C-alpha atoms as a PDB file:
ATOM      1  CA  MET A   1     103.562  86.282 117.650  1.00  0.00           C
ATOM      2  CA  ALA A   2     102.509  89.206 115.488  1.00  0.00           C
ATOM      3  CA  ASN A   3     102.724  92.809 116.647  1.00  0.00           C
ATOM      4  CA  VAL A   4      99.849  94.016 114.454  1.00  0.00           C
ATOM      5  CA  LYS A   5      96.562  92.114 114.254  1.00  0.00           C
ATOM      6  CA  LYS A   6      93.172  92.437 112.608  1.00  0.00           C
ATOM      7  CA  GLY A   7      91.041  95.000 114.432  1.00  0.00           C
ATOM      8  CA  ASP A   8      93.978  97.041 115.800  1.00  0.00           C
ATOM      9  CA  THR A   9      93.951 100.805 115.393  1.00  0.00           C
ATOM     10  CA  VAL A  10      97.145 101.892 113.663  1.00  0.00           C
ATOM     11  CA  LEU A  11      98.895 105.151 112.782  1.00  0.00           C
ATOM     12  CA  VAL A  12     100.540 105.376 109.348  1.00  0.00           C
ATOM     13  CA  LEU A  13     104.207 106.416 109.684  1.00  0.00           C
ATOM     14  CA  ALA A  14     105.304 106.685 106.055  1.00  0.00           C
ATOM     15  CA  GLY A  15     103.859 107.225 102.605  1.00  0.00           C
ATOM     16  CA  LYS A  16     101.259 109.503 101.105  1.00  0.00           C
ATOM     17  CA  ASP A  17      98.829 108.912 103.997  1.00  0.00           C
ATOM     18  CA  ARG A  18     101.334 109.623 106.781  1.00  0.00           C
ATOM     19  CA  GLY A  19      99.646 110.696 110.026  1.00  0.00           C
ATOM     20  CA  LYS A  20      96.266 109.046 109.323  1.00  0.00           C
ATOM     21  CA  ARG A  21      94.684 106.493 111.642  1.00  0.00           C
ATOM     22  CA  GLY A  22      92.594 103.496 110.726  1.00  0.00           C
ATOM     23  CA  THR A  23      91.564 100.009 111.782  1.00  0.00           C
ATOM     24  CA  VAL A  24      93.334  96.985 110.296  1.00  0.00           C
ATOM     25  CA  GLU A  25      90.992  95.034 108.027  1.00  0.00           C
ATOM     26  CA  ARG A  26      93.373  92.144 107.371  1.00  0.00           C
ATOM     27  CA  VAL A  27      97.029  91.137 107.655  1.00  0.00           C
ATOM     28  CA  GLU A  28      98.500  89.322 104.678  1.00  0.00           C
ATOM     29  CA  ARG A  29     101.778  88.007 103.426  1.00  0.00           C
ATOM     30  CA  THR A  30     103.266  89.786 100.420  1.00  0.00           C
ATOM     31  CA  LYS A  31     106.476  89.350  98.457  1.00  0.00           C
ATOM     32  CA  ARG A  32     108.084  92.005 100.654  1.00  0.00           C
ATOM     33  CA  GLY A  33     106.946  90.507 103.988  1.00  0.00           C
ATOM     34  CA  LEU A  34     103.868  91.219 106.083  1.00  0.00           C
ATOM     35  CA  GLY A  35     101.381  93.794 104.870  1.00  0.00           C
ATOM     36  CA  VAL A  36      98.333  95.319 106.528  1.00  0.00           C
ATOM     37  CA  VAL A  37      95.229  96.533 104.702  1.00  0.00           C
ATOM     38  CA  VAL A  38      93.525  99.579 106.223  1.00  0.00           C
ATOM     39  CA  PRO A  39      90.307 100.758 104.519  1.00  0.00           C
ATOM     40  CA  GLY A  40      90.538 104.270 103.097  1.00  0.00           C
ATOM     41  CA  ILE A  41      94.338 104.379 103.348  1.00  0.00           C
ATOM     42  CA  ASN A  42      96.832 103.664 100.533  1.00  0.00           C
ATOM     43  CA  MET A  43      94.119 103.532  97.880  1.00  0.00           C
ATOM     44  CA  ALA A  44      94.908 102.555  94.288  1.00  0.00           C
ATOM     45  CA  LYS A  45      92.855 102.767  91.095  1.00  0.00           C
ATOM     46  CA  LYS A  46      91.957  99.553  89.311  1.00  0.00           C
ATOM     47  CA  HIS A  47      90.398  99.478  85.853  1.00  0.00           C
ATOM     48  CA  GLN A  48      87.735  96.775  85.924  1.00  0.00           C
ATOM     49  CA  ARG A  49      86.221  95.064  82.896  1.00  0.00           C
ATOM     50  CA  PRO A  50      82.699  93.667  83.146  1.00  0.00           C
ATOM     51  CA  ARG A  51      82.895  89.947  83.912  1.00  0.00           C
ATOM     52  CA  THR A  52      79.168  89.220  83.581  1.00  0.00           C
ATOM     53  CA  ARG A  53      76.277  91.020  81.962  1.00  0.00           C
ATOM     54  CA  THR A  54      75.126  92.428  85.296  1.00  0.00           C
ATOM     55  CA  GLN A  55      78.519  93.632  86.506  1.00  0.00           C
ATOM     56  CA  GLN A  56      79.449  97.139  85.429  1.00  0.00           C
ATOM     57  CA  ALA A  57      82.860  98.216  84.158  1.00  0.00           C
ATOM     58  CA  GLY A  58      84.686 101.205  85.576  1.00  0.00           C
ATOM     59  CA  ILE A  59      87.537 102.502  87.669  1.00  0.00           C
ATOM     60  CA  MET A  60      87.486 101.164  91.227  1.00  0.00           C
ATOM     61  CA  ASP A  61      89.361 102.369  94.317  1.00  0.00           C
ATOM     62  CA  LEU A  62      90.990  99.503  96.203  1.00  0.00           C
ATOM     63  CA  PRO A  63      93.108  99.608  99.374  1.00  0.00           C
ATOM     64  CA  ILE A  64      96.489  97.966  98.815  1.00  0.00           C
ATOM     65  CA  PRO A  65      98.669  96.570 101.624  1.00  0.00           C
ATOM     66  CA  LEU A  66     101.047  98.791 103.598  1.00  0.00           C
ATOM     67  CA  HIS A  67     104.218  97.178 104.866  1.00  0.00           C
ATOM     68  CA  VAL A  68     103.931  96.386 108.569  1.00  0.00           C
ATOM     69  CA  SER A  69     107.010  98.536 109.317  1.00  0.00           C
ATOM     70  CA  ASN A  70     105.145 101.635 108.080  1.00  0.00           C
ATOM     71  CA  VAL A  71     102.398 101.434 110.709  1.00  0.00           C
ATOM     72  CA  MET A  72     102.417 101.687 114.497  1.00  0.00           C
ATOM     73  CA  VAL A  73      99.798 100.272 116.868  1.00  0.00           C
ATOM     74  CA  VAL A  74      97.772 102.844 118.835  1.00  0.00           C
ATOM     75  CA  CYS A  75      97.131 101.848 122.470  1.00  0.00           C
ATOM     76  CA  PRO A  76      93.393 101.912 123.269  1.00  0.00           C
ATOM     77  CA  SER A  77      93.916 102.978 126.893  1.00  0.00           C
ATOM     78  CA  CYS A  78      96.438 105.843 126.540  1.00  0.00           C
ATOM     79  CA  ASP A  79      95.575 106.671 122.866  1.00  0.00           C
ATOM     80  CA  LYS A  80      99.260 106.983 121.887  1.00  0.00           C
ATOM     81  CA  PRO A  81     101.138 105.209 119.097  1.00  0.00           C
ATOM     82  CA  THR A  82     103.339 102.654 120.783  1.00  0.00           C
ATOM     83  CA  ARG A  83     105.771  99.862 120.244  1.00  0.00           C
ATOM     84  CA  VAL A  84     104.483  96.456 121.286  1.00  0.00           C
ATOM     85  CA  ALA A  85     106.097  94.398 124.041  1.00  0.00           C
ATOM     86  CA  HIS A  86     105.267  90.767 124.738  1.00  0.00           C
ATOM     87  CA  GLY A  87     104.701  89.370 128.210  1.00  0.00           C
ATOM     88  CA  HIS A  88     102.813  86.728 130.145  1.00  0.00           C
ATOM     89  CA  LEU A  89      99.622  86.936 132.161  1.00  0.00           C
ATOM     90  CA  GLU A  90     100.058  86.884 135.916  1.00  0.00           C
ATOM     91  CA  GLY A  91      99.650  83.359 137.215  1.00  0.00           C
ATOM     92  CA  ASP A  92      99.616  81.777 133.764  1.00  0.00           C
ATOM     93  CA  GLU A  93     102.946  81.359 131.992  1.00  0.00           C
ATOM     94  CA  LYS A  94     101.387  79.805 128.887  1.00  0.00           C
ATOM     95  CA  ARG A  95      99.173  82.719 127.849  1.00  0.00           C
ATOM     96  CA  ARG A  96     101.033  85.573 126.207  1.00  0.00           C
ATOM     97  CA  VAL A  97      99.835  89.157 125.915  1.00  0.00           C
ATOM     98  CA  ARG A  98     100.793  92.199 123.889  1.00  0.00           C
ATOM     99  CA  VAL A  99     101.668  95.134 126.142  1.00  0.00           C
ATOM    100  CA  CYS A 100     101.869  98.904 125.508  1.00  0.00           C
ATOM    101  CA  LYS A 101     105.368 100.300 126.047  1.00  0.00           C
ATOM    102  CA  HIS A 102     103.996 103.656 127.319  1.00  0.00           C
ATOM    103  CA  CYS A 103     101.389 102.757 129.925  1.00  0.00           C
ATOM    104  CA  GLY A 104     102.049  99.044 130.473  1.00  0.00           C
ATOM    105  CA  GLU A 105      98.424  98.041 129.783  1.00  0.00           C
ATOM    106  CA  GLN A 106      97.800  94.866 127.828  1.00  0.00           C
ATOM    107  CA  LEU A 107      96.522  95.343 124.305  1.00  0.00           C
ATOM    108  CA  GLU A 108      94.824  91.975 123.958  1.00  0.00           C
ATOM    109  CA  VAL A 109      95.002  88.455 125.380  1.00  0.00           C
ATOM    110  CA  VAL A 110      96.754  86.089 122.961  1.00  0.00           C
ATOM    111  CA  LYS A 111      96.704  82.279 123.151  1.00  0.00           C
END
């Protein structure tokens, strides 16, 4: 089960955007492991050639993946960056949940 998922609010721990918060757009596998893409964070320039007559050439800003170890999930209830614990719902041992280490609230119900 993943600790960081699409739609989570995360805090960047390392890199040029350290200290910024953002919402995870997607989680993807890279050569170095899992990466998360957060819009507006870890932006890179890409020189784009026109592919069709209507498309314009230029320099584009694209978000590139951050390694999952360089972000920390922010708990929506206590608004603190937290490590993620895994537990079960009360009364149902098959459904697992992600839990905040600070306040003990569940982050989201997971199948």
